[in-house]
């Protein structure tokens, strides 16, 4: 069993100990149970699995504003800023007073702006232009970095 399997097994054991239904149960877990399991997975760093749990919770009950916020955080951690902003906006449609959603949108937009400024400054840098205008020199430089020379 690989490392992820051990972590997932531990997470499942924790989740079952928290009152989640047994996996063999014929009764479908509730939206709240999917949400709580998503929180456990996200805390363990299993973003894809947590996102799937949040989406399932929202499929069952699209009125859970906090689930949209957690989904937004997980999507940001995965690097999906647009998806995160969309999740935060859905949270605000459900609960317009949810401060965490406003904070999430602000942070997402700020990070996006900082990335654009950084990309623009690199693209307009004379250093970048001199290296990228000579592909042989640029490729040799980057291959030396990759191989630690």
Protein backbone atom coordinates (compact mmCIF):
# COMPACT_ATOMS: atom_id res chain seq x y z
CA UNK A 1 0.00 0.00 0.00
CA UNK A 2 1.42 3.40 -0.92
CA UNK A 3 1.60 6.43 1.38
CA UNK A 4 -1.69 7.86 0.12
CA UNK A 5 -3.45 4.59 0.87
CA UNK A 6 -2.24 4.67 4.46
CA UNK A 7 -3.32 8.30 4.86
CA UNK A 8 -6.71 7.61 3.27
CA UNK A 9 -7.18 4.57 5.51
CA UNK A 10 -6.37 6.69 8.56
CA UNK A 11 -8.76 9.40 7.40
CA UNK A 12 -11.51 6.84 6.88
CA UNK A 13 -10.94 5.44 10.36
CA UNK A 14 -11.11 8.94 11.85
CA UNK A 15 -14.22 9.75 9.84
CA UNK A 16 -15.96 6.56 10.91
CA UNK A 17 -15.05 7.32 14.49
CA UNK A 18 -16.68 10.75 14.12
CA UNK A 19 -20.05 9.18 13.53
CA UNK A 20 -19.99 8.78 9.79
CA UNK A 21 -22.10 5.89 8.56
CA UNK A 22 -20.40 2.60 7.83
CA UNK A 23 -19.34 2.24 4.21
CA UNK A 24 -21.56 -0.82 3.85
CA UNK A 25 -24.63 1.07 5.06
CA UNK A 26 -27.54 1.07 2.63
CA UNK A 27 -28.50 4.57 3.74
CA UNK A 28 -26.87 7.39 1.76
CA UNK A 29 -24.80 9.79 3.88
CA UNK A 30 -26.30 13.23 4.41
CA UNK A 31 -24.94 16.46 2.96
CA UNK A 32 -23.58 17.34 6.40
CA UNK A 33 -21.71 14.02 6.60
CA UNK A 34 -20.14 14.57 3.17
CA UNK A 35 -19.17 18.07 4.31
CA UNK A 36 -17.59 16.87 7.58
CA UNK A 37 -15.67 14.14 5.75
CA UNK A 38 -14.48 16.75 3.25
CA UNK A 39 -13.14 18.84 6.13
CA UNK A 40 -11.17 15.86 7.47
CA UNK A 41 -9.76 15.11 4.01
CA UNK A 42 -8.82 18.75 3.44
CA UNK A 43 -7.04 18.88 6.80
CA UNK A 44 -5.04 15.82 5.71
CA UNK A 45 -4.06 17.61 2.48
CA UNK A 46 -6.17 15.37 0.23
CA UNK A 47 -7.60 18.24 -1.82
CA UNK A 48 -9.10 16.31 -4.73
CA UNK A 49 -10.91 13.97 -2.37
CA UNK A 50 -12.13 16.87 -0.22
CA UNK A 51 -13.38 18.75 -3.28
CA UNK A 52 -15.34 15.67 -4.36
CA UNK A 53 -16.92 15.41 -0.89
CA UNK A 54 -17.87 19.10 -0.88
CA UNK A 55 -19.40 18.82 -4.34
CA UNK A 56 -21.42 15.80 -3.25
CA UNK A 57 -22.64 17.69 -0.16
CA UNK A 58 -23.72 20.58 -2.39
CA UNK A 59 -25.46 18.21 -4.79
CA UNK A 60 -27.54 16.98 -1.87
CA UNK A 61 -28.10 20.43 -0.36
CA UNK A 62 -27.07 23.49 -2.41
CA UNK A 63 -28.06 25.80 0.47
CA UNK A 64 -24.99 25.05 2.61
CA UNK A 65 -23.05 28.31 2.34
CA UNK A 66 -20.14 27.13 4.51
CA UNK A 67 -19.57 24.17 2.17
CA UNK A 68 -19.12 26.62 -0.73
CA UNK A 69 -16.54 28.51 1.35
CA UNK A 70 -14.59 25.33 2.14
CA UNK A 71 -14.80 24.32 -1.52
CA UNK A 72 -13.39 27.74 -2.43
CA UNK A 73 -10.48 27.31 -0.03
CA UNK A 74 -9.70 23.83 -1.41
CA UNK A 75 -9.88 25.11 -4.99
CA UNK A 76 -7.52 27.99 -4.12
CA UNK A 77 -5.10 25.55 -2.52
CA UNK A 78 -5.23 23.56 -5.75
CA UNK A 79 -4.50 26.72 -7.77
CA UNK A 80 -7.96 27.14 -9.30
CA UNK A 81 -8.58 30.82 -8.54
CA UNK A 82 -11.54 31.17 -10.91
CA UNK A 83 -13.23 28.11 -9.42
CA UNK A 84 -12.61 29.44 -5.92
CA UNK A 85 -14.14 32.82 -6.75
CA UNK A 86 -17.17 31.06 -8.22
CA UNK A 87 -17.58 28.96 -5.06
CA UNK A 88 -17.35 32.07 -2.87
CA UNK A 89 -19.93 33.84 -5.04
CA UNK A 90 -22.31 30.88 -4.63
CA UNK A 91 -21.79 31.09 -0.86
CA UNK A 92 -22.83 34.74 -0.95
CA UNK A 93 -25.93 33.93 -2.98
CA UNK A 94 -26.97 31.56 -0.20
CA UNK A 95 -25.83 33.78 2.70
CA UNK A 96 -25.07 37.40 1.69
CA UNK A 97 -23.69 38.13 5.16
CA UNK A 98 -21.04 35.41 5.18
CA UNK A 99 -17.81 37.32 5.81
CA UNK A 100 -15.57 34.35 5.00
CA UNK A 101 -16.85 34.37 1.42
CA UNK A 102 -16.03 38.08 0.99
CA UNK A 103 -12.57 37.46 2.43
CA UNK A 104 -12.05 34.50 0.10
CA UNK A 105 -13.00 36.57 -2.95
CA UNK A 106 -10.71 39.42 -1.88
CA UNK A 107 -7.76 37.09 -1.33
CA UNK A 108 -8.39 35.26 -4.62
CA UNK A 109 -8.51 38.51 -6.59
CA UNK A 110 -5.46 39.88 -4.78
CA UNK A 111 -3.43 36.75 -5.55
CA UNK A 112 -4.59 36.84 -9.17
CA UNK A 113 -3.55 40.51 -9.44
CA UNK A 114 -0.16 39.84 -7.87
CA UNK A 115 0.44 36.99 -10.32
CA UNK A 116 -0.42 39.24 -13.26
CA UNK A 117 1.89 42.00 -12.01
CA UNK A 118 4.70 39.47 -11.51
CA UNK A 119 4.18 37.97 -14.98
CA UNK A 120 4.13 41.43 -16.56
CA UNK A 121 7.28 42.53 -14.76
CA UNK A 122 9.13 39.37 -15.79
CA UNK A 123 7.96 39.62 -19.39
CA UNK A 124 9.10 43.25 -19.65
CA UNK A 125 12.42 42.68 -17.88
CA UNK A 126 15.54 43.30 -20.03
CA UNK A 127 17.11 40.23 -18.38
CA UNK A 128 14.25 38.01 -19.57
CA UNK A 129 14.38 39.50 -23.06
CA UNK A 130 18.13 38.89 -23.40
CA UNK A 131 17.89 35.28 -22.26
CA UNK A 132 14.79 34.33 -24.23
CA UNK A 133 15.98 36.05 -27.42
CA UNK A 134 18.87 33.58 -27.60
CA UNK A 135 17.25 30.12 -27.29
CA UNK A 136 20.55 28.23 -27.21
CA UNK A 137 21.85 30.29 -24.32
CA UNK A 138 18.49 30.09 -22.52
CA UNK A 139 18.19 26.30 -22.95
CA UNK A 140 21.77 25.75 -21.77
CA UNK A 141 21.13 27.93 -18.73
CA UNK A 142 17.90 26.14 -17.78
CA UNK A 143 19.36 22.67 -18.33
CA UNK A 144 22.31 23.57 -16.07
CA UNK A 145 19.85 24.58 -13.37
CA UNK A 146 17.92 21.32 -13.71
CA UNK A 147 21.07 19.22 -13.39
CA UNK A 148 22.66 21.32 -10.64
CA UNK A 149 25.63 22.60 -12.65
